[in-house]
Amino acid sequence: MPAKNAQLIAGVCIILSLCQLFAPSAAEETAAKQVLILASYHPGLAWEDNIISEIKLHFAMMMPTAQIRTEYMDTKRVALDEKRREDLKEHYRQKYGGEHLDIIISVDTDAFNLLLDYRKEIFSKVPVVFCGVVHVDDQTLKGLSDFTGVLEAYDVENTIDLMLNLHPLTEHIFVVNDMTATGISAKIVLEKIIPKYSSNVSFEFLENLTADELSEKAAALPEESLILLMTFNRDRAGTYLTYIDAVQLLHQATEAPIYSIYDFYMGYGIVGGKLVSSYFQGDEAAELAFRVLRGEDTDEIPVVDDVANEYVFDYYELQRLKIPLNALPANSVIKNMPFQPHSSLVSEELSSLDLHGRNLSQSNMQRSNLSNSDLNYAIFDHSNLSNCLIENASLSFADLEEADLHGSNLYGTNLSGANLLAANIIGANLSQANLTGAALSQARISTSELNGTIL
């Protein structure tokens, strides 16, 4: 008994020691980090809402005791002239002059510029993590102290290359832009790139216009024109336009293809582009903030300028402009794709797509081209796939029960493990196809070509 008691006491002591080792100190429990998010715009603006929600999500997961306050400068709706800047400076000085803050996260260009000029005067030496900033010259970055962040490093050059590749007869590109801080920064970036294209296409900035004037200009664009939409949130008359207002104004005024570098226009009228993600900005800003709050020297944390932009397209706009999917860059993301049960995809160009695991049950896809596509585990039961071109595709473990594949060319396609119960494969070309382990009970396969087929 005494030995057992001694072992029990020793075990309890070990557990208590571990609890003390890993438990947060009283200071850590009570000293919640004080975080200020200084936002350039206003609640309800999709770009900034997404950034801020991503930041708050990361804090909720990784530092849930942090106290987060958010200030909105409202510069999209209210012009940031010198008087407005002074008013904001005084307001923040009175509100936060005596407050303890551990970090400031600035969102977008106006907030960043305000902190560049007045950070020490308002907030003393509180470290700053910025995001959503389009352009900062190298000398400014080198001269900053207690600043780090993530640049809004959008890929406008690859977007213009994309536009010209998809529309090789283009003669004119019209850049829609406003005179906000974001718009001015965007023009600086564009003016460095435009000379590369001067021998092939003309560029014209549609800026400093009223909304009505922009609509009129868009309606009168010459043939073989494209639009590159940057931001148009405040017109020359001071009228505020949402992102949706801006793109729909253009879409209603012209048939010309509209491209952009911003994800918040997607689904409202742009064809696509290499789009910068608001969520990525928030994600990176939060991660940088954690590093600062955990004790890293802000000046030793490099600014993030390698941004993970993606080619993203709207399927409906691609269809309207008759742009084939196989003309898009590899690994493009296509929004509003109609790949769902009962889809009508007759005579479509669907080659080299990733449709892995998609449910296209009872769809009509006759005469479509699905060559080289990843169709593994996809569901095509009771679908019409007759007279399709499905060369060298992968349909491993796909569900093709009672599917109609008659007359289709499945040369070299991997159908291993596929469910072809009661499928109609009459007259199909299955040469060099792999049917290892496929379920072929009641499948009709007469007159099909089977040269080199693996069964």
Protein backbone atom coordinates (compact mmCIF):
# COMPACT_ATOMS: atom_id res chain seq x y z
CA MET A 1 0.00 0.00 0.00
CA PRO A 2 2.65 2.59 0.91
CA ALA A 3 4.45 1.96 -2.39
CA LYS A 4 1.22 2.45 -4.34
CA ASN A 5 0.50 5.66 -2.40
CA ALA A 6 4.00 6.92 -3.18
CA GLN A 7 3.49 6.21 -6.90
CA LEU A 8 0.14 7.98 -6.83
CA ILE A 9 1.58 11.04 -5.10
CA ALA A 10 4.49 11.13 -7.59
CA GLY A 11 2.06 10.96 -10.51
CA VAL A 12 -0.04 13.81 -9.14
CA CYS A 13 3.08 15.91 -8.67
CA ILE A 14 4.14 15.30 -12.26
CA ILE A 15 0.69 16.29 -13.58
CA LEU A 16 0.69 19.46 -11.46
CA SER A 17 4.17 20.34 -12.70
CA LEU A 18 3.10 19.91 -16.32
CA CYS A 19 0.01 22.05 -15.74
CA GLN A 20 2.19 24.81 -14.29
CA LEU A 21 4.65 24.49 -17.16
CA PHE A 22 2.08 24.83 -19.95
CA ALA A 23 -0.54 27.03 -18.28
CA PRO A 24 -0.45 30.70 -19.28
CA SER A 25 0.82 33.06 -16.64
CA ALA A 26 -1.57 35.45 -14.91
CA ALA A 27 0.07 38.28 -16.84
CA GLU A 28 -0.52 36.51 -20.14
CA GLU A 29 -4.16 35.87 -19.24
CA THR A 30 -4.88 39.47 -18.26
CA ALA A 31 -2.68 41.30 -20.79
CA ALA A 32 -4.89 40.80 -23.86
CA LYS A 33 -3.28 42.26 -26.96
CA GLN A 34 -4.77 45.56 -28.06
CA VAL A 35 -5.24 45.66 -31.84
CA LEU A 36 -6.46 48.56 -33.96
CA ILE A 37 -7.56 47.96 -37.55
CA LEU A 38 -7.44 51.27 -39.43
CA ALA A 39 -9.56 50.80 -42.56
CA SER A 40 -9.49 53.23 -45.45
CA TYR A 41 -13.08 52.75 -46.56
CA HIS A 42 -16.45 51.85 -45.03
CA PRO A 43 -18.37 48.77 -43.88
CA GLY A 44 -20.16 47.03 -46.74
CA LEU A 45 -17.36 47.42 -49.31
CA ALA A 46 -16.63 43.84 -50.34
CA TRP A 47 -12.87 44.14 -50.79
CA GLU A 48 -12.25 45.64 -47.35
CA ASP A 49 -14.92 43.55 -45.62
CA ASN A 50 -13.19 40.39 -46.85
CA ILE A 51 -9.77 41.54 -45.65
CA ILE A 52 -11.04 42.51 -42.21
CA SER A 53 -13.12 39.37 -41.76
CA GLU A 54 -10.08 37.25 -42.65
CA ILE A 55 -7.93 39.12 -40.11
CA LYS A 56 -10.55 38.69 -37.39
CA LEU A 57 -10.98 35.01 -38.25
CA HIS A 58 -7.25 34.40 -37.79
CA PHE A 59 -7.24 36.23 -34.46
CA ALA A 60 -10.27 34.27 -33.29
CA MET A 61 -8.38 31.04 -33.98
CA MET A 62 -4.84 31.96 -32.94
CA MET A 63 -5.17 34.78 -30.40
CA PRO A 64 -8.78 34.78 -29.17
CA THR A 65 -8.15 37.05 -26.17
CA ALA A 66 -7.01 39.94 -28.38
CA GLN A 67 -9.15 43.07 -28.19
CA ILE A 68 -9.77 44.33 -31.74
CA ARG A 69 -11.15 47.75 -32.59
CA THR A 70 -11.85 48.97 -36.10
CA GLU A 71 -11.85 52.54 -37.40
CA TYR A 72 -13.21 53.38 -40.87
CA MET A 73 -11.91 56.46 -42.70
CA ASP A 74 -14.71 56.33 -45.34
CA THR A 75 -12.50 57.71 -48.11
CA LYS A 76 -14.42 56.13 -50.99
CA ARG A 77 -17.51 58.19 -50.15
CA VAL A 78 -15.82 61.28 -48.66
CA ALA A 79 -12.86 62.80 -50.48
CA LEU A 80 -9.68 62.79 -48.39
CA ASP A 81 -8.60 66.40 -48.84
CA GLU A 82 -6.23 68.18 -46.45
CA LYS A 83 -9.02 69.33 -44.15
CA ARG A 84 -10.40 65.82 -43.92
CA ARG A 85 -6.93 64.46 -43.15
CA GLU A 86 -6.47 66.99 -40.38
CA ASP A 87 -9.89 66.21 -38.95
CA LEU A 88 -9.13 62.49 -38.89
CA LYS A 89 -5.72 63.05 -37.36
CA GLU A 90 -7.21 65.13 -34.56
CA HIS A 91 -10.05 62.66 -34.01
CA TYR A 92 -7.67 59.70 -33.68
CA ARG A 93 -5.24 61.70 -31.55
CA GLN A 94 -7.97 62.55 -29.05
CA LYS A 95 -9.39 59.03 -29.08
CA TYR A 96 -6.17 57.02 -28.95
CA GLY A 97 -3.53 59.47 -27.67
CA GLY A 98 -3.64 58.01 -24.18
CA GLU A 99 -4.53 54.46 -25.17
CA HIS A 100 -2.16 51.50 -25.12
CA LEU A 101 -2.04 49.68 -28.46
CA ASP A 102 0.14 46.69 -29.27
CA ILE A 103 -0.27 46.88 -33.04
CA ILE A 104 -2.06 48.75 -35.83
CA ILE A 105 -3.18 46.90 -38.96
CA SER A 106 -3.84 49.37 -41.77
CA VAL A 107 -6.06 48.33 -44.67
CA ASP A 108 -5.63 49.96 -48.09
CA THR A 109 -3.74 53.00 -49.31
CA ASP A 110 -5.39 55.93 -47.52
CA ALA A 111 -4.93 54.41 -44.06
CA PHE A 112 -1.31 53.57 -44.89
CA ASN A 113 -0.60 57.12 -46.09
CA LEU A 114 -2.19 58.63 -42.98
CA LEU A 115 0.04 56.48 -40.78
CA LEU A 116 3.11 57.37 -42.84
CA ASP A 117 2.51 61.04 -42.07
CA TYR A 118 1.03 60.98 -38.57
CA ARG A 119 1.74 57.63 -36.91
CA LYS A 120 4.28 59.00 -34.41
CA GLU A 121 2.16 62.06 -33.67
CA ILE A 122 -1.02 60.04 -33.00
CA PHE A 123 0.12 56.60 -31.93
CA SER A 124 3.73 57.13 -30.86
CA LYS A 125 5.81 54.05 -31.78
CA VAL A 126 3.07 51.45 -32.14
CA PRO A 127 4.19 48.99 -34.86
CA VAL A 128 2.20 48.90 -38.10
CA VAL A 129 1.30 46.01 -40.39
CA PHE A 130 -0.19 47.28 -43.66
CA CYS A 131 -2.08 45.50 -46.43
CA GLY A 132 -3.98 46.42 -49.59
CA VAL A 133 -1.36 48.99 -50.61
CA VAL A 134 -0.93 49.13 -54.38
CA HIS A 135 2.33 50.99 -54.78
CA VAL A 136 5.13 51.96 -52.43
CA ASP A 137 8.41 53.17 -53.88
CA ASP A 138 11.57 51.44 -52.71
CA GLN A 139 12.93 54.51 -50.91
CA THR A 140 9.77 54.82 -48.81
CA LEU A 141 9.98 51.18 -47.77
CA LYS A 142 13.68 51.50 -46.88
CA GLY A 143 13.04 54.55 -44.73
CA LEU A 144 10.18 53.05 -42.70
CA SER A 145 10.65 52.08 -39.07
CA ASP A 146 8.26 49.73 -37.25
CA PHE A 147 6.37 49.10 -40.51
CA THR A 148 5.90 45.84 -42.38
CA GLY A 149 3.08 44.44 -44.45
CA VAL A 150 1.81 42.88 -47.64
CA LEU A 151 1.62 44.73 -50.94
CA GLU A 152 -1.39 44.50 -53.21
CA ALA A 153 0.93 43.19 -55.88
CA TYR A 154 -1.56 42.56 -58.64
CA ASP A 155 -0.35 41.16 -61.93
CA VAL A 156 -1.60 43.69 -64.44
CA GLU A 157 1.05 42.78 -67.01
CA ASN A 158 -0.02 39.14 -67.23
CA THR A 159 -3.64 40.28 -67.33
CA ILE A 160 -2.94 42.50 -70.34
CA ASP A 161 -1.01 39.66 -72.01
CA LEU A 162 -4.03 37.43 -71.38
CA MET A 163 -6.41 39.98 -72.90
CA LEU A 164 -4.33 40.25 -76.05
CA ASN A 165 -3.92 36.48 -76.35
CA LEU A 166 -7.67 35.90 -76.11
CA HIS A 167 -8.45 38.83 -78.45
CA PRO A 168 -5.55 38.95 -80.95
CA LEU A 169 -7.24 41.56 -83.17
CA THR A 170 -7.37 44.13 -80.35
CA GLU A 171 -6.38 47.66 -81.33
CA HIS A 172 -7.39 49.67 -78.25
CA ILE A 173 -7.42 49.07 -74.49
CA PHE A 174 -9.40 51.55 -72.40
CA VAL A 175 -8.42 51.72 -68.74
CA VAL A 176 -11.27 52.74 -66.45
CA ASN A 177 -9.85 54.37 -63.34
CA ASP A 178 -10.78 56.94 -60.71
CA MET A 179 -8.81 59.68 -58.97
CA THR A 180 -8.84 58.15 -55.50
CA ALA A 181 -5.53 57.20 -53.84
CA THR A 182 -6.00 53.65 -55.13
CA GLY A 183 -6.66 54.89 -58.66
CA ILE A 184 -3.65 57.21 -58.65
CA SER A 185 -1.40 54.40 -57.44
CA ALA A 186 -2.80 52.08 -60.11
CA LYS A 187 -1.97 54.58 -62.83
CA ILE A 188 1.65 54.76 -61.63
CA VAL A 189 1.90 50.99 -61.96
CA LEU A 190 0.23 50.93 -65.39
CA GLU A 191 2.34 53.73 -66.85
CA LYS A 192 5.45 51.64 -66.23
CA ILE A 193 3.98 48.69 -68.14
CA ILE A 194 2.13 50.31 -71.05
CA PRO A 195 5.24 51.17 -73.16
CA LYS A 196 5.82 47.41 -73.62
CA TYR A 197 2.68 47.28 -75.78
CA SER A 198 2.92 50.62 -77.61
CA SER A 199 3.78 49.08 -80.98
CA ASN A 200 0.76 46.74 -80.94
CA VAL A 201 -2.11 48.47 -79.18
CA SER A 202 -3.14 51.92 -77.98
CA PHE A 203 -4.07 52.71 -74.38
CA GLU A 204 -6.44 55.42 -73.16
CA PHE A 205 -7.37 56.21 -69.56
CA LEU A 206 -11.05 56.86 -68.96
CA GLU A 207 -10.68 58.81 -65.73
CA ASN A 208 -11.86 61.99 -64.06
CA LEU A 209 -15.30 61.47 -65.62
CA THR A 210 -18.83 61.51 -64.27
CA ALA A 211 -20.70 58.23 -64.32
CA ASP A 212 -22.84 59.47 -67.22
CA GLU A 213 -19.77 60.53 -69.17
CA LEU A 214 -18.16 57.14 -68.61
CA SER A 215 -21.30 55.41 -69.84
CA GLU A 216 -21.32 57.55 -72.98
CA LYS A 217 -17.63 56.88 -73.63
CA ALA A 218 -18.11 53.15 -73.17
CA ALA A 219 -21.07 53.11 -75.56
CA ALA A 220 -18.96 54.76 -78.27
CA LEU A 221 -15.86 52.57 -78.09
CA PRO A 222 -14.41 51.67 -81.49
CA GLU A 223 -14.32 48.12 -82.82
CA GLU A 224 -11.64 45.78 -81.51
CA SER A 225 -11.57 47.49 -78.10
CA LEU A 226 -11.12 46.00 -74.65
CA ILE A 227 -11.73 47.48 -71.21
CA LEU A 228 -9.40 47.08 -68.24
CA LEU A 229 -11.41 48.05 -65.16
CA MET A 230 -9.32 49.19 -62.20
CA THR A 231 -11.42 51.13 -59.66
CA PHE A 232 -14.22 53.62 -60.30
CA ASN A 233 -15.70 54.28 -56.86
CA ARG A 234 -15.99 58.05 -57.00
CA ASP A 235 -16.66 60.02 -60.18
CA ARG A 236 -15.69 63.58 -61.04
CA ALA A 237 -18.90 64.92 -59.49
CA GLY A 238 -18.10 63.17 -56.20
CA THR A 239 -20.80 60.53 -56.67
CA TYR A 240 -19.99 57.25 -54.97
CA LEU A 241 -20.31 54.00 -56.93
CA THR A 242 -20.04 50.50 -55.50
CA TYR A 243 -17.87 47.97 -57.28
CA ILE A 244 -21.03 46.39 -58.68
CA ASP A 245 -22.34 49.79 -59.84
CA ALA A 246 -19.14 50.43 -61.77
CA VAL A 247 -18.91 47.12 -63.61
CA GLN A 248 -22.62 47.00 -64.41
CA LEU A 249 -22.53 50.57 -65.75
CA LEU A 250 -19.92 49.43 -68.26
CA HIS A 251 -21.57 46.11 -69.00
CA GLN A 252 -24.84 47.80 -69.84
CA ALA A 253 -23.18 50.43 -72.03
CA THR A 254 -20.94 48.26 -74.22
CA GLU A 255 -20.49 44.81 -75.69
CA ALA A 256 -16.71 45.16 -75.38
CA PRO A 257 -15.03 42.53 -73.16
CA ILE A 258 -14.24 43.82 -69.66
CA TYR A 259 -11.24 42.51 -67.71
CA SER A 260 -9.83 43.39 -64.30
CA ILE A 261 -7.24 42.47 -61.69
CA TYR A 262 -9.69 42.53 -58.75
CA ASP A 263 -11.68 39.56 -57.48
CA PHE A 264 -14.62 41.65 -56.24
CA TYR A 265 -15.84 42.27 -59.81
CA MET A 266 -16.13 38.56 -60.56
CA GLY A 267 -19.67 37.44 -61.33
CA TYR A 268 -20.93 40.94 -62.17
CA GLY A 269 -19.76 41.40 -65.76
CA ILE A 270 -16.01 40.99 -66.15
CA VAL A 271 -14.62 38.18 -68.28
CA GLY A 272 -11.81 37.59 -65.81
CA GLY A 273 -8.11 38.24 -65.41
CA LYS A 274 -5.26 37.37 -63.11
CA LEU A 275 -7.06 38.46 -59.97
CA VAL A 276 -5.70 39.61 -56.65
CA SER A 277 -7.50 38.11 -53.65
CA SER A 278 -8.78 40.19 -50.75
CA TYR A 279 -8.73 37.07 -48.57
CA PHE A 280 -5.02 36.57 -49.24
CA GLN A 281 -4.34 40.15 -48.13
CA GLY A 282 -6.14 39.58 -44.83
CA ASP A 283 -4.51 36.20 -44.32
CA GLU A 284 -0.97 37.53 -44.80
CA ALA A 285 -1.59 40.66 -42.71
CA ALA A 286 -2.82 38.55 -39.79
CA GLU A 287 0.19 36.24 -39.96
CA LEU A 288 2.58 39.21 -39.98
CA ALA A 289 0.72 40.73 -37.03
CA PHE A 290 1.15 37.53 -35.01
CA ARG A 291 4.89 37.60 -35.61
CA VAL A 292 5.10 41.16 -34.31
CA LEU A 293 2.89 40.44 -31.29
CA ARG A 294 5.02 37.41 -30.41
CA GLY A 295 8.08 39.57 -30.14
CA GLU A 296 9.77 39.68 -33.55
CA ASP A 297 11.37 42.98 -34.51
CA THR A 298 9.04 44.61 -37.03
CA ASP A 299 11.96 46.02 -38.97
CA GLU A 300 13.36 42.51 -39.45
CA ILE A 301 10.15 41.18 -41.02
CA PRO A 302 10.29 41.66 -44.81
CA VAL A 303 7.39 43.14 -46.72
CA VAL A 304 5.43 40.47 -48.64
CA ASP A 305 5.33 41.26 -52.34
CA ASP A 306 4.94 37.74 -53.75
CA VAL A 307 1.16 37.54 -53.94
CA ALA A 308 -0.70 34.36 -54.96
CA ASN A 309 -2.89 35.73 -57.75
CA GLU A 310 -5.03 33.34 -59.82
CA TYR A 311 -6.48 33.35 -63.31
CA VAL A 312 -10.24 33.45 -62.74
CA PHE A 313 -13.00 33.61 -65.37
CA ASP A 314 -16.78 33.87 -65.55
CA TYR A 315 -18.20 31.02 -67.62
CA TYR A 316 -21.19 33.08 -68.79
CA GLU A 317 -18.94 35.83 -70.16
CA LEU A 318 -16.73 33.26 -71.86
CA GLN A 319 -19.81 31.83 -73.53
CA ARG A 320 -21.10 35.27 -74.53
CA LEU A 321 -17.81 36.12 -76.20
CA LYS A 322 -17.30 32.60 -77.62
CA ILE A 323 -13.95 32.14 -75.87
CA PRO A 324 -13.15 28.40 -75.76
CA LEU A 325 -12.13 27.00 -72.40
CA ASN A 326 -9.00 25.41 -73.83
CA ALA A 327 -7.73 28.89 -74.75
CA LEU A 328 -7.42 29.79 -71.06
CA PRO A 329 -4.20 29.46 -69.05
CA ALA A 330 -3.57 26.16 -67.31
CA ASN A 331 -5.14 25.77 -63.86
CA SER A 332 -7.60 28.60 -64.43
CA VAL A 333 -10.52 28.88 -62.03
CA ILE A 334 -13.86 29.12 -63.82
CA LYS A 335 -16.79 30.57 -61.91
CA ASN A 336 -20.43 29.81 -62.70
CA MET A 337 -19.55 26.60 -64.49
CA PRO A 338 -22.77 24.73 -65.19
CA PHE A 339 -21.32 21.36 -64.18
CA GLN A 340 -24.15 19.91 -62.16
CA PRO A 341 -26.86 17.27 -62.58
CA HIS A 342 -29.13 17.76 -65.63
CA SER A 343 -26.62 20.11 -67.30
CA SER A 344 -27.02 20.93 -70.97
CA LEU A 345 -23.52 20.93 -72.47
CA VAL A 346 -24.09 19.93 -76.08
CA SER A 347 -21.14 20.38 -78.48
CA GLU A 348 -19.06 22.13 -75.81
CA GLU A 349 -15.26 22.47 -75.75
CA LEU A 350 -14.46 20.86 -72.39
CA SER A 351 -11.03 19.38 -72.99
CA SER A 352 -8.24 19.41 -70.38
CA LEU A 353 -10.58 20.32 -67.53
CA ASP A 354 -10.49 19.16 -63.94
CA LEU A 355 -13.94 17.67 -63.36
CA HIS A 356 -12.73 15.19 -60.76
CA GLY A 357 -15.67 13.94 -58.72
CA ARG A 358 -18.20 16.29 -60.33
CA ASN A 359 -21.84 15.20 -60.38
CA LEU A 360 -23.15 15.43 -63.96
CA SER A 361 -25.85 12.84 -63.56
CA GLN A 362 -28.49 12.82 -66.32
CA SER A 363 -26.70 15.53 -68.31
CA ASN A 364 -26.81 16.02 -72.06
CA MET A 365 -23.22 16.30 -73.29
CA GLN A 366 -23.46 14.77 -76.75
CA ARG A 367 -20.83 15.77 -79.32
CA SER A 368 -18.72 17.57 -76.66
CA ASN A 369 -14.93 17.38 -76.46
CA LEU A 370 -13.73 15.97 -73.13
CA SER A 371 -10.28 14.86 -74.26
CA ASN A 372 -7.47 14.90 -71.72
CA SER A 373 -9.86 15.86 -68.91
CA ASP A 374 -9.69 14.55 -65.36
CA LEU A 375 -13.06 12.81 -64.95
CA ASN A 376 -12.00 10.42 -62.22
CA TYR A 377 -14.84 9.56 -59.82
CA ALA A 378 -17.21 11.83 -61.76
CA ILE A 379 -20.87 10.88 -61.92
CA PHE A 380 -22.40 10.51 -65.41
CA ASP A 381 -25.14 7.97 -64.75
CA HIS A 382 -27.99 8.18 -67.30
CA SER A 383 -26.11 10.95 -69.15
CA ASN A 384 -25.95 11.39 -72.92
CA LEU A 385 -22.27 11.24 -73.92
CA SER A 386 -22.90 10.00 -77.45
CA ASN A 387 -20.55 10.96 -80.28
CA CYS A 388 -18.19 12.69 -77.85
CA LEU A 389 -14.45 13.06 -78.23
CA ILE A 390 -12.99 11.65 -74.99
CA GLU A 391 -9.47 10.72 -76.10
CA ASN A 392 -6.82 10.17 -73.43
CA ALA A 393 -9.14 11.26 -70.66
CA SER A 394 -9.21 9.71 -67.21
CA LEU A 395 -12.53 8.17 -66.14
CA SER A 396 -11.15 5.92 -63.43
CA PHE A 397 -13.92 4.83 -61.04
CA ALA A 398 -16.39 7.14 -62.77
CA ASP A 399 -20.09 6.26 -62.54
CA LEU A 400 -21.37 5.72 -66.10
CA GLU A 401 -24.28 3.44 -65.27
CA GLU A 402 -26.81 3.46 -68.16
CA ALA A 403 -24.86 6.27 -69.81
CA ASP A 404 -25.11 6.64 -73.58
CA LEU A 405 -21.59 6.53 -75.06
CA HIS A 406 -22.46 5.20 -78.49
CA GLY A 407 -20.25 6.46 -81.28
CA SER A 408 -17.85 8.20 -78.88
CA ASN A 409 -14.09 8.20 -79.32
CA LEU A 410 -12.52 6.92 -76.08
CA TYR A 411 -9.10 6.13 -77.56
CA GLY A 412 -6.46 5.75 -74.83
CA THR A 413 -8.88 6.66 -72.05
CA ASN A 414 -8.45 5.21 -68.57
CA LEU A 415 -11.75 3.58 -67.53
CA SER A 416 -10.25 1.33 -64.84
CA GLY A 417 -12.74 0.62 -62.08
CA ALA A 418 -15.49 2.55 -63.86
CA ASN A 419 -19.13 1.60 -63.43
CA LEU A 420 -20.45 0.91 -66.95
CA LEU A 421 -23.44 -1.20 -65.93
CA ALA A 422 -25.99 -1.24 -68.76
CA ALA A 423 -24.10 1.51 -70.59
CA ASN A 424 -24.57 1.93 -74.34
CA ILE A 425 -21.07 1.78 -75.88
CA ILE A 426 -22.16 0.58 -79.32
CA GLY A 427 -19.86 1.75 -82.10
CA ALA A 428 -17.45 3.50 -79.74
CA ASN A 429 -13.69 3.57 -80.25
CA LEU A 430 -12.13 1.91 -77.19
CA SER A 431 -8.74 1.25 -78.77
CA GLN A 432 -5.87 1.44 -76.27
CA ALA A 433 -8.40 2.18 -73.51
CA ASN A 434 -7.91 0.68 -70.05
CA LEU A 435 -11.01 -1.16 -68.78
CA THR A 436 -9.27 -3.05 -65.97
CA GLY A 437 -11.76 -3.75 -63.18
CA ALA A 438 -14.59 -1.89 -64.94
CA ALA A 439 -18.13 -3.14 -64.29
CA LEU A 440 -19.48 -4.05 -67.74
CA SER A 441 -22.53 -6.16 -66.86
CA GLN A 442 -25.34 -5.62 -69.40
CA ALA A 443 -23.22 -3.04 -71.22
CA ARG A 444 -23.79 -3.00 -74.97
CA ILE A 445 -20.45 -2.92 -76.71
CA SER A 446 -21.11 -4.41 -80.17
CA THR A 447 -19.28 -2.96 -83.19
CA SER A 448 -16.91 -1.03 -80.89
CA GLU A 449 -13.21 -0.88 -81.78
CA LEU A 450 -11.13 -2.76 -79.21
CA ASN A 451 -7.62 -2.69 -80.73
CA GLY A 452 -5.14 -2.84 -77.87
CA THR A 453 -7.87 -2.43 -75.26
CA ILE A 454 -6.92 -3.63 -71.78
CA LEU A 455 -9.74 -5.64 -70.27
